[in-house]
Amino acid sequence: MSHPNKSILKKANAAVRAGDNEGFLAWCADDIVWSTVGGETLHGNQAVRDWMAREYTAPPAFTVEQLVAEGDTVVARQNHGRGRRWQAGPARLQRCLALP
């Protein structure tokens, strides 16, 4: 059985790939913690919004190769064309059936 938070992260990531950062943030709790391997950890919607404004001058191109979900945490293994990396997805999503 698929974890309901996986479908939420898929919808949130589709918004990012479409260049809709606010659409992505609509799926996130105000106190989101967004971490990337080798990168910074962002705390809160405003920090993620500011980071996206700086880093996503064009919609990012990536594929999600694997999603792992347990409780209120979803982790995505993504390929950004620069190699694979794991990324913690929007933990504590607002519109989540099992919780964000």
C-alpha atoms as a PDB file:
ATOM      1  CA  MET A   1       0.000   0.000   0.000  1.00  0.00           C
ATOM      2  CA  SER A   2       1.287   3.453  -0.924  1.00  0.00           C
ATOM      3  CA  HIS A   3       1.760   5.959   1.872  1.00  0.00           C
ATOM      4  CA  PRO A   4      -0.597   8.964   1.372  1.00  0.00           C
ATOM      5  CA  ASN A   5       2.242  11.434   1.984  1.00  0.00           C
ATOM      6  CA  LYS A   6       4.053  10.117  -1.098  1.00  0.00           C
ATOM      7  CA  SER A   7       1.244  11.393  -3.337  1.00  0.00           C
ATOM      8  CA  ILE A   8       1.398  14.774  -1.605  1.00  0.00           C
ATOM      9  CA  LEU A   9       5.139  15.067  -2.237  1.00  0.00           C
ATOM     10  CA  LYS A  10       4.602  14.068  -5.886  1.00  0.00           C
ATOM     11  CA  LYS A  11       2.063  16.925  -6.270  1.00  0.00           C
ATOM     12  CA  ALA A  12       4.353  19.382  -4.468  1.00  0.00           C
ATOM     13  CA  ASN A  13       7.317  18.397  -6.670  1.00  0.00           C
ATOM     14  CA  ALA A  14       5.158  18.764  -9.809  1.00  0.00           C
ATOM     15  CA  ALA A  15       4.490  22.375  -8.754  1.00  0.00           C
ATOM     16  CA  VAL A  16       8.246  23.027  -8.392  1.00  0.00           C
ATOM     17  CA  ARG A  17       9.004  21.516 -11.819  1.00  0.00           C
ATOM     18  CA  ALA A  18       6.274  23.780 -13.278  1.00  0.00           C
ATOM     19  CA  GLY A  19       7.919  26.857 -11.700  1.00  0.00           C
ATOM     20  CA  ASP A  20       5.109  27.280  -9.166  1.00  0.00           C
ATOM     21  CA  ASN A  21       7.065  27.771  -5.932  1.00  0.00           C
ATOM     22  CA  GLU A  22       4.013  29.100  -4.093  1.00  0.00           C
ATOM     23  CA  GLY A  23       2.105  26.013  -5.234  1.00  0.00           C
ATOM     24  CA  PHE A  24       4.834  23.898  -3.646  1.00  0.00           C
ATOM     25  CA  LEU A  25       4.767  25.918  -0.435  1.00  0.00           C
ATOM     26  CA  ALA A  26       0.972  25.553  -0.225  1.00  0.00           C
ATOM     27  CA  TRP A  27       1.587  21.848   0.518  1.00  0.00           C
ATOM     28  CA  CYS A  28       4.067  22.611   3.303  1.00  0.00           C
ATOM     29  CA  ALA A  29       3.554  23.312   6.968  1.00  0.00           C
ATOM     30  CA  ASP A  30       4.691  26.720   8.198  1.00  0.00           C
ATOM     31  CA  ASP A  31       7.429  25.019  10.224  1.00  0.00           C
ATOM     32  CA  ILE A  32       8.798  22.903   7.334  1.00  0.00           C
ATOM     33  CA  VAL A  33      12.364  21.609   7.706  1.00  0.00           C
ATOM     34  CA  TRP A  34      13.901  21.057   4.270  1.00  0.00           C
ATOM     35  CA  SER A  35      17.295  19.337   4.160  1.00  0.00           C
ATOM     36  CA  THR A  36      19.509  18.284   1.294  1.00  0.00           C
ATOM     37  CA  VAL A  37      22.577  16.111   1.491  1.00  0.00           C
ATOM     38  CA  GLY A  38      25.639  18.364   1.407  1.00  0.00           C
ATOM     39  CA  GLY A  39      23.483  21.483   1.507  1.00  0.00           C
ATOM     40  CA  GLU A  40      21.919  23.702   4.053  1.00  0.00           C
ATOM     41  CA  THR A  41      18.887  22.898   6.191  1.00  0.00           C
ATOM     42  CA  LEU A  42      16.063  25.379   5.823  1.00  0.00           C
ATOM     43  CA  HIS A  43      13.585  26.077   8.607  1.00  0.00           C
ATOM     44  CA  GLY A  44      10.161  27.512   7.816  1.00  0.00           C
ATOM     45  CA  ASN A  45       8.221  28.474   4.693  1.00  0.00           C
ATOM     46  CA  GLN A  46       9.906  31.874   4.368  1.00  0.00           C
ATOM     47  CA  ALA A  47      13.397  30.348   4.385  1.00  0.00           C
ATOM     48  CA  VAL A  48      12.346  27.875   1.667  1.00  0.00           C
ATOM     49  CA  ARG A  49      10.660  30.681  -0.327  1.00  0.00           C
ATOM     50  CA  ASP A  50      13.819  32.829  -0.132  1.00  0.00           C
ATOM     51  CA  TRP A  51      16.051  29.894  -1.121  1.00  0.00           C
ATOM     52  CA  MET A  52      13.816  29.030  -4.094  1.00  0.00           C
ATOM     53  CA  ALA A  53      13.870  32.671  -5.258  1.00  0.00           C
ATOM     54  CA  ARG A  54      17.689  32.588  -5.264  1.00  0.00           C
ATOM     55  CA  GLU A  55      18.281  29.075  -6.585  1.00  0.00           C
ATOM     56  CA  TYR A  56      15.384  28.451  -8.974  1.00  0.00           C
ATOM     57  CA  THR A  57      15.903  31.187 -11.576  1.00  0.00           C
ATOM     58  CA  ALA A  58      14.301  28.646 -13.920  1.00  0.00           C
ATOM     59  CA  PRO A  59      12.168  25.677 -12.897  1.00  0.00           C
ATOM     60  CA  PRO A  60      14.475  22.840 -11.821  1.00  0.00           C
ATOM     61  CA  ALA A  61      14.680  19.692 -13.906  1.00  0.00           C
ATOM     62  CA  PHE A  62      14.808  16.550 -11.790  1.00  0.00           C
ATOM     63  CA  THR A  63      13.337  13.106 -11.576  1.00  0.00           C
ATOM     64  CA  VAL A  64      12.262  11.386  -8.401  1.00  0.00           C
ATOM     65  CA  GLU A  65      13.701   7.884  -8.396  1.00  0.00           C
ATOM     66  CA  GLN A  66      12.423   6.712  -5.031  1.00  0.00           C
ATOM     67  CA  LEU A  67      10.177   7.924  -2.220  1.00  0.00           C
ATOM     68  CA  VAL A  68      10.408   6.572   1.309  1.00  0.00           C
ATOM     69  CA  ALA A  69       7.715   7.481   3.837  1.00  0.00           C
ATOM     70  CA  GLU A  70       7.196   6.712   7.479  1.00  0.00           C
ATOM     71  CA  GLY A  71       5.024   8.636   9.894  1.00  0.00           C
ATOM     72  CA  ASP A  72       5.041  12.311   8.938  1.00  0.00           C
ATOM     73  CA  THR A  73       8.368  12.178   7.047  1.00  0.00           C
ATOM     74  CA  VAL A  74       8.854  11.662   3.316  1.00  0.00           C
ATOM     75  CA  VAL A  75      12.309  11.354   1.762  1.00  0.00           C
ATOM     76  CA  ALA A  76      12.923  11.512  -1.984  1.00  0.00           C
ATOM     77  CA  ARG A  77      15.914  10.203  -3.905  1.00  0.00           C
ATOM     78  CA  GLN A  78      16.164  12.588  -6.812  1.00  0.00           C
ATOM     79  CA  ASN A  79      18.363  12.825  -9.874  1.00  0.00           C
ATOM     80  CA  HIS A  80      19.177  16.411 -10.805  1.00  0.00           C
ATOM     81  CA  GLY A  81      21.493  15.436 -13.661  1.00  0.00           C
ATOM     82  CA  ARG A  82      24.457  16.046 -11.364  1.00  0.00           C
ATOM     83  CA  GLY A  83      24.155  12.681  -9.669  1.00  0.00           C
ATOM     84  CA  ARG A  84      21.692  11.236  -7.228  1.00  0.00           C
ATOM     85  CA  ARG A  85      20.885  12.860  -3.949  1.00  0.00           C
ATOM     86  CA  TRP A  86      18.462  12.236  -1.153  1.00  0.00           C
ATOM     87  CA  GLN A  87      16.234  15.081  -0.123  1.00  0.00           C
ATOM     88  CA  ALA A  88      13.897  15.262   2.811  1.00  0.00           C
ATOM     89  CA  GLY A  89      10.550  16.260   1.467  1.00  0.00           C
ATOM     90  CA  PRO A  90       8.044  18.520   3.101  1.00  0.00           C
ATOM     91  CA  ALA A  91       7.797  16.943   6.507  1.00  0.00           C
ATOM     92  CA  ARG A  92       4.601  17.718   8.360  1.00  0.00           C
ATOM     93  CA  LEU A  93       2.660  18.592   5.210  1.00  0.00           C
ATOM     94  CA  GLN A  94      -0.604  20.417   5.886  1.00  0.00           C
ATOM     95  CA  ARG A  95      -2.851  18.459   3.535  1.00  0.00           C
ATOM     96  CA  CYS A  96      -1.975  14.929   4.494  1.00  0.00           C
ATOM     97  CA  LEU A  97      -4.312  12.125   5.305  1.00  0.00           C
ATOM     98  CA  ALA A  98      -2.026  10.354   7.766  1.00  0.00           C
ATOM     99  CA  LEU A  99      -0.713  13.280   9.744  1.00  0.00           C
ATOM    100  CA  PRO A 100       1.305  16.750   6.618  1.00  0.00           C
END
